[in-house]
Amino acid sequence: MAAAETLRPGFYAQTCPEAEAIVRYEMMKAMIREPRSVASVMRFQFHDCFVNGCDASLLLDDTPNMLGEKLALSNINSLRSFEVVDEVKEALEKACPGVVSCADVIIMAARDAVALVTIPTFLIFLFYYSC
């Protein structure tokens, strides 16, 4: 990650030009399959950003040396749509391996969740943060 990088709309325009379209398509599929998933993704994004910023830490699984947040007591039976975020990330990895950060996947998915249930859209500022 370069020190001079800043948040900006269109961050992946050169490195993964279809990223935002892929996220939008995957979110539409999720909404058709389970309409509540869009609200769950918006809540997921809120919880990810709540404590230490939007860092995708909710996606961390337990390891032998660390307790992850995904199965933390406060998240079990509370947060849903981990599978939706995983599906979006998988689709992005097929198109642009190792390019789009997990944090940006969550924020783009949440933005598109809002857009799917409302008419206007809004710009979001993206910044590569390693998964």
C-alpha atoms as a PDB file:
ATOM      1  CA  MET A   1       0.000   0.000   0.000  1.00  0.00           C
ATOM      2  CA  ALA A   2       1.510   3.298  -1.054  1.00  0.00           C
ATOM      3  CA  ALA A   3       1.556   6.054   1.540  1.00  0.00           C
ATOM      4  CA  ALA A   4       0.240   8.577  -0.996  1.00  0.00           C
ATOM      5  CA  GLU A   5      -2.925   6.586  -1.817  1.00  0.00           C
ATOM      6  CA  THR A   6      -6.179   8.273  -0.872  1.00  0.00           C
ATOM      7  CA  LEU A   7      -9.824   7.330  -0.769  1.00  0.00           C
ATOM      8  CA  ARG A   8     -11.568   8.154  -4.016  1.00  0.00           C
ATOM      9  CA  PRO A   9     -14.452   7.100  -6.253  1.00  0.00           C
ATOM     10  CA  GLY A  10     -13.374   4.828  -9.073  1.00  0.00           C
ATOM     11  CA  PHE A  11     -10.342   3.513  -7.182  1.00  0.00           C
ATOM     12  CA  TYR A  12     -10.423   0.240  -9.143  1.00  0.00           C
ATOM     13  CA  ALA A  13     -11.132   1.792 -12.559  1.00  0.00           C
ATOM     14  CA  GLN A  14      -7.712   0.796 -13.887  1.00  0.00           C
ATOM     15  CA  THR A  15      -6.922  -2.337 -11.871  1.00  0.00           C
ATOM     16  CA  CYS A  16     -10.376  -3.984 -11.962  1.00  0.00           C
ATOM     17  CA  PRO A  17     -12.663  -1.942 -14.229  1.00  0.00           C
ATOM     18  CA  GLU A  18     -15.645  -4.268 -13.788  1.00  0.00           C
ATOM     19  CA  ALA A  19     -15.428  -4.395  -9.977  1.00  0.00           C
ATOM     20  CA  GLU A  20     -18.415  -2.189  -9.246  1.00  0.00           C
ATOM     21  CA  ALA A  21     -20.583  -3.897 -11.888  1.00  0.00           C
ATOM     22  CA  ILE A  22     -19.660  -7.309 -10.477  1.00  0.00           C
ATOM     23  CA  VAL A  23     -20.617  -6.223  -6.951  1.00  0.00           C
ATOM     24  CA  ARG A  24     -23.906  -4.771  -8.178  1.00  0.00           C
ATOM     25  CA  TYR A  25     -24.746  -7.968 -10.098  1.00  0.00           C
ATOM     26  CA  GLU A  26     -23.930 -10.219  -7.128  1.00  0.00           C
ATOM     27  CA  MET A  27     -26.033  -8.038  -4.823  1.00  0.00           C
ATOM     28  CA  MET A  28     -28.974  -8.209  -7.249  1.00  0.00           C
ATOM     29  CA  LYS A  29     -28.688 -12.005  -7.243  1.00  0.00           C
ATOM     30  CA  ALA A  30     -28.605 -12.025  -3.436  1.00  0.00           C
ATOM     31  CA  MET A  31     -31.660  -9.766  -3.224  1.00  0.00           C
ATOM     32  CA  ILE A  32     -33.633 -11.970  -5.601  1.00  0.00           C
ATOM     33  CA  ARG A  33     -32.668 -15.079  -3.639  1.00  0.00           C
ATOM     34  CA  GLU A  34     -33.327 -13.517  -0.196  1.00  0.00           C
ATOM     35  CA  PRO A  35     -34.754  -9.972  -0.073  1.00  0.00           C
ATOM     36  CA  ARG A  36     -33.651  -9.492   3.557  1.00  0.00           C
ATOM     37  CA  SER A  37     -30.014  -9.956   2.567  1.00  0.00           C
ATOM     38  CA  VAL A  38     -29.695  -6.334   1.448  1.00  0.00           C
ATOM     39  CA  ALA A  39     -30.630  -5.069   4.905  1.00  0.00           C
ATOM     40  CA  SER A  40     -28.278  -7.632   6.448  1.00  0.00           C
ATOM     41  CA  VAL A  41     -25.378  -6.405   4.309  1.00  0.00           C
ATOM     42  CA  MET A  42     -26.058  -2.795   5.306  1.00  0.00           C
ATOM     43  CA  ARG A  43     -26.010  -3.831   8.976  1.00  0.00           C
ATOM     44  CA  PHE A  44     -22.884  -5.904   8.351  1.00  0.00           C
ATOM     45  CA  GLN A  45     -21.104  -2.830   7.000  1.00  0.00           C
ATOM     46  CA  PHE A  46     -22.179  -0.745   9.985  1.00  0.00           C
ATOM     47  CA  HIS A  47     -20.783  -3.309  12.426  1.00  0.00           C
ATOM     48  CA  ASP A  48     -17.555  -3.640  10.458  1.00  0.00           C
ATOM     49  CA  CYS A  49     -16.930   0.095  10.655  1.00  0.00           C
ATOM     50  CA  PHE A  50     -18.201   0.561  14.208  1.00  0.00           C
ATOM     51  CA  VAL A  51     -15.138  -0.146  16.387  1.00  0.00           C
ATOM     52  CA  ASN A  52     -11.837   0.437  14.575  1.00  0.00           C
ATOM     53  CA  GLY A  53     -12.907   1.600  11.153  1.00  0.00           C
ATOM     54  CA  CYS A  54     -13.943  -0.205   7.998  1.00  0.00           C
ATOM     55  CA  ASP A  55     -11.288  -2.925   7.944  1.00  0.00           C
ATOM     56  CA  ALA A  56     -13.240  -6.104   7.075  1.00  0.00           C
ATOM     57  CA  SER A  57     -12.308  -7.530  10.469  1.00  0.00           C
ATOM     58  CA  LEU A  58     -15.749  -9.165  10.684  1.00  0.00           C
ATOM     59  CA  LEU A  59     -14.558 -11.624   8.051  1.00  0.00           C
ATOM     60  CA  LEU A  60     -11.728 -12.955  10.198  1.00  0.00           C
ATOM     61  CA  ASP A  61     -12.004 -16.613  11.155  1.00  0.00           C
ATOM     62  CA  ASP A  62     -10.425 -18.067  14.265  1.00  0.00           C
ATOM     63  CA  THR A  63      -6.835 -19.256  13.937  1.00  0.00           C
ATOM     64  CA  PRO A  64      -4.722 -21.150  16.462  1.00  0.00           C
ATOM     65  CA  ASN A  65      -3.167 -17.827  17.526  1.00  0.00           C
ATOM     66  CA  MET A  66      -6.123 -15.447  17.270  1.00  0.00           C
ATOM     67  CA  LEU A  67      -9.827 -15.278  17.946  1.00  0.00           C
ATOM     68  CA  GLY A  68     -11.559 -14.005  14.835  1.00  0.00           C
ATOM     69  CA  GLU A  69     -14.572 -11.733  14.800  1.00  0.00           C
ATOM     70  CA  LYS A  70     -16.745 -13.888  12.549  1.00  0.00           C
ATOM     71  CA  LEU A  71     -17.582 -16.324  15.339  1.00  0.00           C
ATOM     72  CA  ALA A  72     -17.278 -13.867  18.216  1.00  0.00           C
ATOM     73  CA  LEU A  73     -20.042 -14.143  20.781  1.00  0.00           C
ATOM     74  CA  SER A  74     -21.394 -10.709  19.870  1.00  0.00           C
ATOM     75  CA  ASN A  75     -21.731 -11.711  16.199  1.00  0.00           C
ATOM     76  CA  ILE A  76     -23.106 -15.260  16.419  1.00  0.00           C
ATOM     77  CA  ASN A  77     -26.830 -15.265  15.650  1.00  0.00           C
ATOM     78  CA  SER A  78     -26.623 -11.509  15.200  1.00  0.00           C
ATOM     79  CA  LEU A  79     -24.948 -10.776  11.883  1.00  0.00           C
ATOM     80  CA  ARG A  80     -26.130 -12.421   8.694  1.00  0.00           C
ATOM     81  CA  SER A  81     -25.083 -12.396   5.063  1.00  0.00           C
ATOM     82  CA  PHE A  82     -21.501 -13.533   5.507  1.00  0.00           C
ATOM     83  CA  GLU A  83     -22.249 -15.783   2.523  1.00  0.00           C
ATOM     84  CA  VAL A  84     -23.327 -12.805   0.407  1.00  0.00           C
ATOM     85  CA  VAL A  85     -20.054 -10.992   1.093  1.00  0.00           C
ATOM     86  CA  ASP A  86     -18.160 -14.230   0.384  1.00  0.00           C
ATOM     87  CA  GLU A  87     -19.997 -14.643  -2.945  1.00  0.00           C
ATOM     88  CA  VAL A  88     -19.212 -11.070  -3.971  1.00  0.00           C
ATOM     89  CA  LYS A  89     -15.536 -11.512  -3.038  1.00  0.00           C
ATOM     90  CA  GLU A  90     -15.373 -14.827  -4.913  1.00  0.00           C
ATOM     91  CA  ALA A  91     -16.797 -13.227  -8.071  1.00  0.00           C
ATOM     92  CA  LEU A  92     -14.289 -10.374  -7.807  1.00  0.00           C
ATOM     93  CA  GLU A  93     -11.413 -12.804  -7.261  1.00  0.00           C
ATOM     94  CA  LYS A  94     -12.360 -14.643 -10.468  1.00  0.00           C
ATOM     95  CA  ALA A  95     -12.264 -11.390 -12.442  1.00  0.00           C
ATOM     96  CA  CYS A  96      -9.367  -9.630 -10.696  1.00  0.00           C
ATOM     97  CA  PRO A  97      -7.420 -11.918  -8.348  1.00  0.00           C
ATOM     98  CA  GLY A  98      -5.928 -10.164  -5.352  1.00  0.00           C
ATOM     99  CA  VAL A  99      -7.002  -6.673  -6.391  1.00  0.00           C
ATOM    100  CA  VAL A 100     -10.151  -5.623  -4.533  1.00  0.00           C
ATOM    101  CA  SER A 101      -9.830  -5.437  -0.753  1.00  0.00           C
ATOM    102  CA  CYS A 102     -12.301  -7.128   1.564  1.00  0.00           C
ATOM    103  CA  ALA A 103     -13.084  -3.792   3.208  1.00  0.00           C
ATOM    104  CA  ASP A 104     -13.999  -2.309  -0.165  1.00  0.00           C
ATOM    105  CA  VAL A 105     -16.103  -5.379  -1.014  1.00  0.00           C
ATOM    106  CA  ILE A 106     -18.179  -4.776   2.116  1.00  0.00           C
ATOM    107  CA  ILE A 107     -18.618  -1.048   1.512  1.00  0.00           C
ATOM    108  CA  MET A 108     -19.511  -1.498  -2.179  1.00  0.00           C
ATOM    109  CA  ALA A 109     -21.969  -4.287  -1.309  1.00  0.00           C
ATOM    110  CA  ALA A 110     -23.605  -2.051   1.310  1.00  0.00           C
ATOM    111  CA  ARG A 111     -23.788   0.845  -1.146  1.00  0.00           C
ATOM    112  CA  ASP A 112     -25.438  -1.396  -3.727  1.00  0.00           C
ATOM    113  CA  ALA A 113     -27.789  -2.826  -1.110  1.00  0.00           C
ATOM    114  CA  VAL A 114     -29.035   0.713  -0.480  1.00  0.00           C
ATOM    115  CA  ALA A 115     -29.243   1.416  -4.212  1.00  0.00           C
ATOM    116  CA  LEU A 116     -31.289  -1.744  -4.799  1.00  0.00           C
ATOM    117  CA  VAL A 117     -33.990  -0.642  -2.397  1.00  0.00           C
ATOM    118  CA  THR A 118     -33.918   3.088  -3.216  1.00  0.00           C
ATOM    119  CA  ILE A 119     -33.628   5.145  -6.363  1.00  0.00           C
ATOM    120  CA  PRO A 120     -30.581   7.406  -5.912  1.00  0.00           C
ATOM    121  CA  THR A 121     -26.992   6.197  -5.575  1.00  0.00           C
ATOM    122  CA  PHE A 122     -23.972   7.855  -4.030  1.00  0.00           C
ATOM    123  CA  LEU A 123     -20.229   7.954  -4.473  1.00  0.00           C
ATOM    124  CA  ILE A 124     -18.025   6.085  -2.048  1.00  0.00           C
ATOM    125  CA  PHE A 125     -14.345   6.617  -1.505  1.00  0.00           C
ATOM    126  CA  LEU A 126     -12.316   3.422  -1.841  1.00  0.00           C
ATOM    127  CA  PHE A 127      -8.827   2.603  -0.741  1.00  0.00           C
ATOM    128  CA  TYR A 128      -6.922  -0.637  -1.025  1.00  0.00           C
ATOM    129  CA  TYR A 129      -6.499  -2.334   2.351  1.00  0.00           C
ATOM    130  CA  SER A 130      -5.152  -5.870   2.246  1.00  0.00           C
ATOM    131  CA  CYS A 131      -7.463  -8.736   3.200  1.00  0.00           C
END
